[in-house]
Amino acid sequence: MEDLDEESYKKRKLEQVEYRNKKRYSSIFMFVATIFEILETMAIMLVLFIITAFILLKLFNPESAAVQIAFQISTVVIFIGGLVLGFLIYKKVIQWAIKKFHLEDKLLDDVKSHYIKPTKEEREAELKR
């Protein structure tokens, strides 16, 4: 009986260490992913802004009122479009990074499930259990 208790104690201790490591790795991963998302979204907005400015200012007369209004409207559209496009690209890149670097076993389940949705077969297997 004493061996069983010692064995279960070691097992629980290993599980706690593994949980703390996963929590640490998940925190680091989320920090790096957030920094990446901010930089990537800003870069997308900058590129869209430069393209729009080039089109509006080089191809049309920059002193006309129509170009100025179009530039103002396009700034809002670029901001919203850049955010949406940044979120979509961010999610795809993070999914790729998790699979590429085999991070599934190093991250907490809630972090993994946020980025990688289970396949149809995995969902059906889960429902059968």
N, C-alpha and C. Protein backbone atom coordinates (compact mmCIF):
# COMPACT_ATOMS: atom_id res chain seq x y z
N MET A 1 0.83 -1.19 0.00
CA MET A 1 0.00 0.00 0.00
C MET A 1 0.87 1.25 0.00
N GLU A 2 1.97 1.17 0.72
CA GLU A 2 2.86 2.31 0.81
C GLU A 2 3.51 2.62 -0.54
N ASP A 3 3.83 1.59 -1.31
CA ASP A 3 4.40 1.78 -2.64
C ASP A 3 3.43 2.48 -3.57
N LEU A 4 2.18 2.13 -3.44
CA LEU A 4 1.16 2.75 -4.28
C LEU A 4 1.05 4.24 -3.96
N ASP A 5 1.09 4.57 -2.70
CA ASP A 5 1.01 5.97 -2.32
C ASP A 5 2.23 6.74 -2.82
N GLU A 6 3.38 6.14 -2.69
CA GLU A 6 4.61 6.78 -3.17
C GLU A 6 4.56 6.93 -4.69
N GLU A 7 4.05 5.92 -5.35
CA GLU A 7 3.94 5.95 -6.81
C GLU A 7 2.96 7.03 -7.26
N SER A 8 1.81 7.09 -6.61
CA SER A 8 0.82 8.11 -6.98
C SER A 8 1.33 9.51 -6.65
N TYR A 9 2.10 9.63 -5.57
CA TYR A 9 2.68 10.92 -5.22
C TYR A 9 3.64 11.40 -6.30
N LYS A 10 4.50 10.50 -6.77
CA LYS A 10 5.44 10.86 -7.84
C LYS A 10 4.70 11.21 -9.13
N LYS A 11 3.65 10.46 -9.41
CA LYS A 11 2.87 10.73 -10.61
C LYS A 11 2.21 12.10 -10.54
N ARG A 12 1.62 12.43 -9.43
CA ARG A 12 0.99 13.75 -9.25
C ARG A 12 2.01 14.87 -9.34
N LYS A 13 3.17 14.63 -8.75
CA LYS A 13 4.22 15.65 -8.79
C LYS A 13 4.66 15.89 -10.23
N LEU A 14 4.83 14.82 -11.01
CA LEU A 14 5.20 14.97 -12.42
C LEU A 14 4.11 15.69 -13.21
N GLU A 15 2.85 15.39 -12.91
CA GLU A 15 1.74 16.08 -13.58
C GLU A 15 1.73 17.57 -13.25
N GLN A 16 2.03 17.92 -12.01
CA GLN A 16 2.08 19.32 -11.62
C GLN A 16 3.22 20.04 -12.32
N VAL A 17 4.36 19.40 -12.41
CA VAL A 17 5.51 20.00 -13.10
C VAL A 17 5.18 20.19 -14.58
N GLU A 18 4.56 19.20 -15.17
CA GLU A 18 4.18 19.30 -16.58
C GLU A 18 3.17 20.42 -16.80
N TYR A 19 2.20 20.55 -15.89
CA TYR A 19 1.21 21.61 -16.00
C TYR A 19 1.87 22.98 -15.89
N ARG A 20 2.79 23.15 -14.95
CA ARG A 20 3.47 24.44 -14.80
C ARG A 20 4.31 24.77 -16.04
N ASN A 21 4.97 23.75 -16.60
CA ASN A 21 5.74 23.98 -17.83
C ASN A 21 4.84 24.38 -18.98
N LYS A 22 3.71 23.70 -19.12
CA LYS A 22 2.77 24.05 -20.19
C LYS A 22 2.23 25.46 -20.00
N LYS A 23 1.97 25.81 -18.75
CA LYS A 23 1.46 27.16 -18.46
C LYS A 23 2.51 28.21 -18.82
N ARG A 24 3.76 27.96 -18.49
CA ARG A 24 4.85 28.88 -18.80
C ARG A 24 5.02 29.01 -20.32
N TYR A 25 5.06 27.86 -21.00
CA TYR A 25 5.22 27.88 -22.46
C TYR A 25 4.04 28.57 -23.13
N SER A 26 2.85 28.36 -22.61
CA SER A 26 1.66 29.01 -23.18
C SER A 26 1.72 30.52 -23.00
N SER A 27 2.18 30.96 -21.84
CA SER A 27 2.30 32.40 -21.60
C SER A 27 3.33 33.04 -22.53
N ILE A 28 4.46 32.40 -22.68
CA ILE A 28 5.49 32.91 -23.58
C ILE A 28 4.98 32.92 -25.02
N PHE A 29 4.31 31.83 -25.42
CA PHE A 29 3.76 31.73 -26.77
C PHE A 29 2.76 32.84 -27.03
N MET A 30 1.85 33.08 -26.09
CA MET A 30 0.83 34.12 -26.27
C MET A 30 1.47 35.51 -26.32
N PHE A 31 2.50 35.75 -25.53
CA PHE A 31 3.18 37.05 -25.56
C PHE A 31 3.82 37.28 -26.92
N VAL A 32 4.56 36.29 -27.41
CA VAL A 32 5.22 36.41 -28.71
C VAL A 32 4.19 36.53 -29.82
N ALA A 33 3.11 35.76 -29.73
CA ALA A 33 2.05 35.82 -30.75
C ALA A 33 1.37 37.18 -30.76
N THR A 34 1.17 37.77 -29.61
CA THR A 34 0.55 39.10 -29.54
C THR A 34 1.45 40.16 -30.15
N ILE A 35 2.74 40.11 -29.83
CA ILE A 35 3.68 41.06 -30.43
C ILE A 35 3.69 40.88 -31.95
N PHE A 36 3.70 39.62 -32.41
CA PHE A 36 3.67 39.35 -33.84
C PHE A 36 2.41 39.93 -34.47
N GLU A 37 1.26 39.75 -33.82
CA GLU A 37 0.00 40.24 -34.38
C GLU A 37 0.01 41.76 -34.50
N ILE A 38 0.50 42.44 -33.50
CA ILE A 38 0.54 43.91 -33.55
C ILE A 38 1.44 44.38 -34.69
N LEU A 39 2.63 43.82 -34.78
CA LEU A 39 3.57 44.24 -35.83
C LEU A 39 3.05 43.89 -37.22
N GLU A 40 2.48 42.71 -37.35
CA GLU A 40 1.97 42.27 -38.64
C GLU A 40 0.78 43.12 -39.09
N THR A 41 -0.12 43.45 -38.19
CA THR A 41 -1.27 44.29 -38.53
C THR A 41 -0.82 45.70 -38.91
N MET A 42 0.14 46.23 -38.18
CA MET A 42 0.65 47.57 -38.52
C MET A 42 1.33 47.56 -39.89
N ALA A 43 2.06 46.50 -40.20
CA ALA A 43 2.73 46.40 -41.50
C ALA A 43 1.70 46.31 -42.62
N ILE A 44 0.64 45.55 -42.42
CA ILE A 44 -0.41 45.43 -43.44
C ILE A 44 -1.08 46.78 -43.66
N MET A 45 -1.39 47.49 -42.58
CA MET A 45 -2.01 48.81 -42.71
C MET A 45 -1.08 49.78 -43.43
N LEU A 46 0.20 49.74 -43.11
CA LEU A 46 1.16 50.63 -43.75
C LEU A 46 1.25 50.35 -45.25
N VAL A 47 1.31 49.08 -45.62
CA VAL A 47 1.39 48.72 -47.04
C VAL A 47 0.12 49.17 -47.77
N LEU A 48 -1.05 48.91 -47.17
CA LEU A 48 -2.30 49.35 -47.79
C LEU A 48 -2.37 50.86 -47.91
N PHE A 49 -1.90 51.57 -46.90
CA PHE A 49 -1.90 53.03 -46.93
C PHE A 49 -0.98 53.55 -48.03
N ILE A 50 0.20 52.97 -48.16
CA ILE A 50 1.14 53.42 -49.20
C ILE A 50 0.58 53.15 -50.59
N ILE A 51 -0.02 51.98 -50.79
CA ILE A 51 -0.61 51.67 -52.10
C ILE A 51 -1.74 52.64 -52.42
N THR A 52 -2.61 52.90 -51.46
CA THR A 52 -3.72 53.82 -51.68
C THR A 52 -3.23 55.24 -51.93
N ALA A 53 -2.25 55.67 -51.16
CA ALA A 53 -1.71 57.02 -51.35
C ALA A 53 -1.06 57.13 -52.73
N PHE A 54 -0.34 56.13 -53.16
CA PHE A 54 0.28 56.15 -54.48
C PHE A 54 -0.78 56.24 -55.57
N ILE A 55 -1.80 55.43 -55.45
CA ILE A 55 -2.86 55.44 -56.47
C ILE A 55 -3.58 56.78 -56.50
N LEU A 56 -3.96 57.27 -55.34
CA LEU A 56 -4.75 58.51 -55.31
C LEU A 56 -3.91 59.75 -55.65
N LEU A 57 -2.67 59.79 -55.21
CA LEU A 57 -1.88 61.01 -55.40
C LEU A 57 -1.12 61.02 -56.73
N LYS A 58 -0.76 59.88 -57.26
CA LYS A 58 -0.02 59.85 -58.52
C LYS A 58 -0.92 59.81 -59.74
N LEU A 59 -2.02 59.11 -59.63
CA LEU A 59 -2.87 58.96 -60.79
C LEU A 59 -3.92 60.06 -60.92
N PHE A 60 -4.25 60.71 -59.84
CA PHE A 60 -5.27 61.76 -59.86
C PHE A 60 -4.67 63.07 -59.39
N ASN A 61 -5.38 64.16 -59.63
CA ASN A 61 -4.92 65.48 -59.20
C ASN A 61 -5.07 65.58 -57.68
N PRO A 62 -3.95 65.72 -56.95
CA PRO A 62 -4.03 65.69 -55.48
C PRO A 62 -4.72 66.91 -54.87
N GLU A 63 -4.88 67.99 -55.64
CA GLU A 63 -5.50 69.19 -55.06
C GLU A 63 -7.01 69.20 -55.19
N SER A 64 -7.58 68.24 -55.89
CA SER A 64 -9.03 68.24 -56.05
C SER A 64 -9.71 67.77 -54.77
N ALA A 65 -10.90 68.27 -54.54
CA ALA A 65 -11.65 67.95 -53.33
C ALA A 65 -12.06 66.47 -53.32
N ALA A 66 -12.34 65.93 -54.50
CA ALA A 66 -12.77 64.53 -54.58
C ALA A 66 -11.65 63.60 -54.11
N VAL A 67 -10.41 63.89 -54.48
CA VAL A 67 -9.29 63.04 -54.06
C VAL A 67 -9.07 63.16 -52.56
N GLN A 68 -9.24 64.33 -52.01
CA GLN A 68 -9.06 64.51 -50.57
C GLN A 68 -10.13 63.75 -49.78
N ILE A 69 -11.36 63.81 -50.27
CA ILE A 69 -12.44 63.06 -49.60
C ILE A 69 -12.21 61.56 -49.75
N ALA A 70 -11.82 61.13 -50.94
CA ALA A 70 -11.54 59.71 -51.17
C ALA A 70 -10.39 59.24 -50.28
N PHE A 71 -9.39 60.10 -50.08
CA PHE A 71 -8.26 59.74 -49.23
C PHE A 71 -8.71 59.58 -47.78
N GLN A 72 -9.59 60.46 -47.33
CA GLN A 72 -10.10 60.37 -45.95
C GLN A 72 -10.93 59.10 -45.76
N ILE A 73 -11.78 58.82 -46.72
CA ILE A 73 -12.61 57.61 -46.62
C ILE A 73 -11.73 56.36 -46.69
N SER A 74 -10.75 56.38 -47.58
CA SER A 74 -9.89 55.20 -47.72
C SER A 74 -9.06 54.96 -46.46
N THR A 75 -8.75 56.00 -45.72
CA THR A 75 -8.00 55.83 -44.48
C THR A 75 -8.80 54.99 -43.47
N VAL A 76 -10.09 55.26 -43.36
CA VAL A 76 -10.94 54.49 -42.46
C VAL A 76 -11.08 53.05 -42.96
N VAL A 77 -11.27 52.90 -44.27
CA VAL A 77 -11.40 51.56 -44.85
C VAL A 77 -10.10 50.77 -44.67
N ILE A 78 -8.96 51.43 -44.85
CA ILE A 78 -7.67 50.77 -44.66
C ILE A 78 -7.52 50.33 -43.21
N PHE A 79 -7.90 51.15 -42.28
CA PHE A 79 -7.79 50.81 -40.86
C PHE A 79 -8.62 49.56 -40.55
N ILE A 80 -9.88 49.57 -40.93
CA ILE A 80 -10.75 48.43 -40.64
C ILE A 80 -10.32 47.20 -41.44
N GLY A 81 -10.03 47.38 -42.71
CA GLY A 81 -9.58 46.27 -43.54
C GLY A 81 -8.26 45.70 -43.06
N GLY A 82 -7.34 46.56 -42.63
CA GLY A 82 -6.06 46.10 -42.11
C GLY A 82 -6.22 45.28 -40.84
N LEU A 83 -7.14 45.70 -39.97
CA LEU A 83 -7.40 44.93 -38.75
C LEU A 83 -7.96 43.55 -39.08
N VAL A 84 -8.95 43.51 -39.95
CA VAL A 84 -9.58 42.24 -40.30
C VAL A 84 -8.57 41.33 -41.01
N LEU A 85 -7.86 41.87 -41.99
CA LEU A 85 -6.87 41.09 -42.72
C LEU A 85 -5.74 40.64 -41.78
N GLY A 86 -5.34 41.51 -40.87
CA GLY A 86 -4.32 41.15 -39.89
C GLY A 86 -4.75 40.00 -38.99
N PHE A 87 -6.01 40.03 -38.53
CA PHE A 87 -6.52 38.94 -37.69
C PHE A 87 -6.54 37.62 -38.45
N LEU A 88 -6.98 37.66 -39.71
CA LEU A 88 -7.06 36.43 -40.50
C LEU A 88 -5.67 35.84 -40.76
N ILE A 89 -4.74 36.69 -41.14
CA ILE A 89 -3.37 36.21 -41.41
C ILE A 89 -2.73 35.71 -40.11
N TYR A 90 -2.94 36.43 -39.03
CA TYR A 90 -2.39 36.04 -37.72
C TYR A 90 -2.86 34.64 -37.33
N LYS A 91 -4.14 34.37 -37.48
CA LYS A 91 -4.68 33.07 -37.09
C LYS A 91 -4.07 31.96 -37.94
N LYS A 92 -3.94 32.19 -39.24
CA LYS A 92 -3.36 31.17 -40.13
C LYS A 92 -1.87 30.94 -39.80
N VAL A 93 -1.14 32.02 -39.55
CA VAL A 93 0.29 31.89 -39.24
C VAL A 93 0.49 31.15 -37.91
N ILE A 94 -0.32 31.46 -36.93
CA ILE A 94 -0.20 30.80 -35.63
C ILE A 94 -0.55 29.32 -35.75
N GLN A 95 -1.59 28.99 -36.52
CA GLN A 95 -1.91 27.58 -36.74
C GLN A 95 -0.75 26.87 -37.41
N TRP A 96 -0.16 27.50 -38.41
CA TRP A 96 0.98 26.92 -39.10
C TRP A 96 2.15 26.72 -38.13
N ALA A 97 2.43 27.73 -37.30
CA ALA A 97 3.56 27.65 -36.36
C ALA A 97 3.35 26.53 -35.34
N ILE A 98 2.15 26.37 -34.85
CA ILE A 98 1.88 25.32 -33.88
C ILE A 98 2.15 23.95 -34.49
N LYS A 99 1.69 23.77 -35.73
CA LYS A 99 1.91 22.47 -36.39
C LYS A 99 3.35 22.28 -36.83
N LYS A 100 3.97 23.33 -37.36
CA LYS A 100 5.33 23.25 -37.87
C LYS A 100 6.34 22.92 -36.77
N PHE A 101 6.22 23.57 -35.63
CA PHE A 101 7.16 23.40 -34.54
C PHE A 101 6.68 22.40 -33.49
N HIS A 102 5.60 21.67 -33.79
CA HIS A 102 5.07 20.62 -32.92
C HIS A 102 4.83 21.13 -31.49
N LEU A 103 4.05 22.19 -31.39
CA LEU A 103 3.78 22.79 -30.08
C LEU A 103 2.51 22.26 -29.43
N GLU A 104 1.84 21.30 -30.06
CA GLU A 104 0.58 20.80 -29.52
C GLU A 104 0.74 20.24 -28.10
N ASP A 105 1.84 19.55 -27.87
CA ASP A 105 2.03 18.93 -26.55
C ASP A 105 2.69 19.86 -25.53
N LYS A 106 3.10 21.05 -25.97
CA LYS A 106 3.76 21.98 -25.06
C LYS A 106 2.84 23.11 -24.57
N LEU A 107 1.66 23.22 -25.18
CA LEU A 107 0.74 24.30 -24.83
C LEU A 107 -0.46 23.75 -24.07
N LEU A 108 -1.08 24.61 -23.28
CA LEU A 108 -2.29 24.23 -22.57
C LEU A 108 -3.41 23.95 -23.57
N ASP A 109 -4.35 23.13 -23.17
CA ASP A 109 -5.43 22.74 -24.07
C ASP A 109 -6.29 23.92 -24.52
N ASP A 110 -6.54 24.87 -23.62
CA ASP A 110 -7.37 26.00 -24.02
C ASP A 110 -6.68 26.90 -25.04
N VAL A 111 -5.37 27.01 -25.00
CA VAL A 111 -4.63 27.79 -26.00
C VAL A 111 -4.67 27.06 -27.34
N LYS A 112 -4.44 25.75 -27.31
CA LYS A 112 -4.49 24.97 -28.55
C LYS A 112 -5.87 25.03 -29.17
N SER A 113 -6.91 24.86 -28.36
CA SER A 113 -8.26 24.83 -28.91
C SER A 113 -8.69 26.19 -29.45
N HIS A 114 -8.06 27.25 -28.97
CA HIS A 114 -8.38 28.58 -29.49
C HIS A 114 -7.90 28.73 -30.93
N TYR A 115 -6.78 28.14 -31.25
CA TYR A 115 -6.20 28.30 -32.58
C TYR A 115 -6.48 27.14 -33.52
N ILE A 116 -6.48 25.94 -33.00
CA ILE A 116 -6.65 24.77 -33.86
C ILE A 116 -7.96 24.09 -33.49
N LYS A 117 -8.89 24.14 -34.42
CA LYS A 117 -10.18 23.48 -34.21
C LYS A 117 -10.03 22.00 -34.53
N PRO A 118 -10.74 21.15 -33.79
CA PRO A 118 -10.64 19.72 -34.06
C PRO A 118 -11.23 19.37 -35.43
N THR A 119 -10.68 18.34 -36.05
CA THR A 119 -11.19 17.90 -37.34
C THR A 119 -12.53 17.21 -37.14
N LYS A 120 -13.19 16.94 -38.23
CA LYS A 120 -14.50 16.30 -38.16
C LYS A 120 -14.41 14.92 -37.51
N GLU A 121 -13.35 14.18 -37.84
CA GLU A 121 -13.17 12.86 -37.26
C GLU A 121 -12.93 12.94 -35.75
N GLU A 122 -12.15 13.94 -35.32
CA GLU A 122 -11.89 14.10 -33.89
C GLU A 122 -13.16 14.48 -33.14
N ARG A 123 -13.99 15.33 -33.73
CA ARG A 123 -15.26 15.70 -33.09
C ARG A 123 -16.19 14.50 -32.98
N GLU A 124 -16.25 13.69 -34.04
CA GLU A 124 -17.11 12.50 -34.00
C GLU A 124 -16.60 11.50 -32.96
N ALA A 125 -15.28 11.34 -32.88
CA ALA A 125 -14.72 10.43 -31.88
C ALA A 125 -15.03 10.92 -30.46
N GLU A 126 -14.98 12.22 -30.27
CA GLU A 126 -15.29 12.81 -28.95
C GLU A 126 -16.76 12.61 -28.59
N LEU A 127 -17.64 12.72 -29.59
CA LEU A 127 -19.06 12.53 -29.33
C LEU A 127 -19.39 11.08 -29.00
N LYS A 128 -18.65 10.14 -29.59
CA LYS A 128 -18.89 8.73 -29.33
C LYS A 128 -18.49 8.32 -27.92
N ARG A 129 -17.54 9.05 -27.34
CA ARG A 129 -17.10 8.75 -25.97
C ARG A 129 -18.11 9.17 -25.00
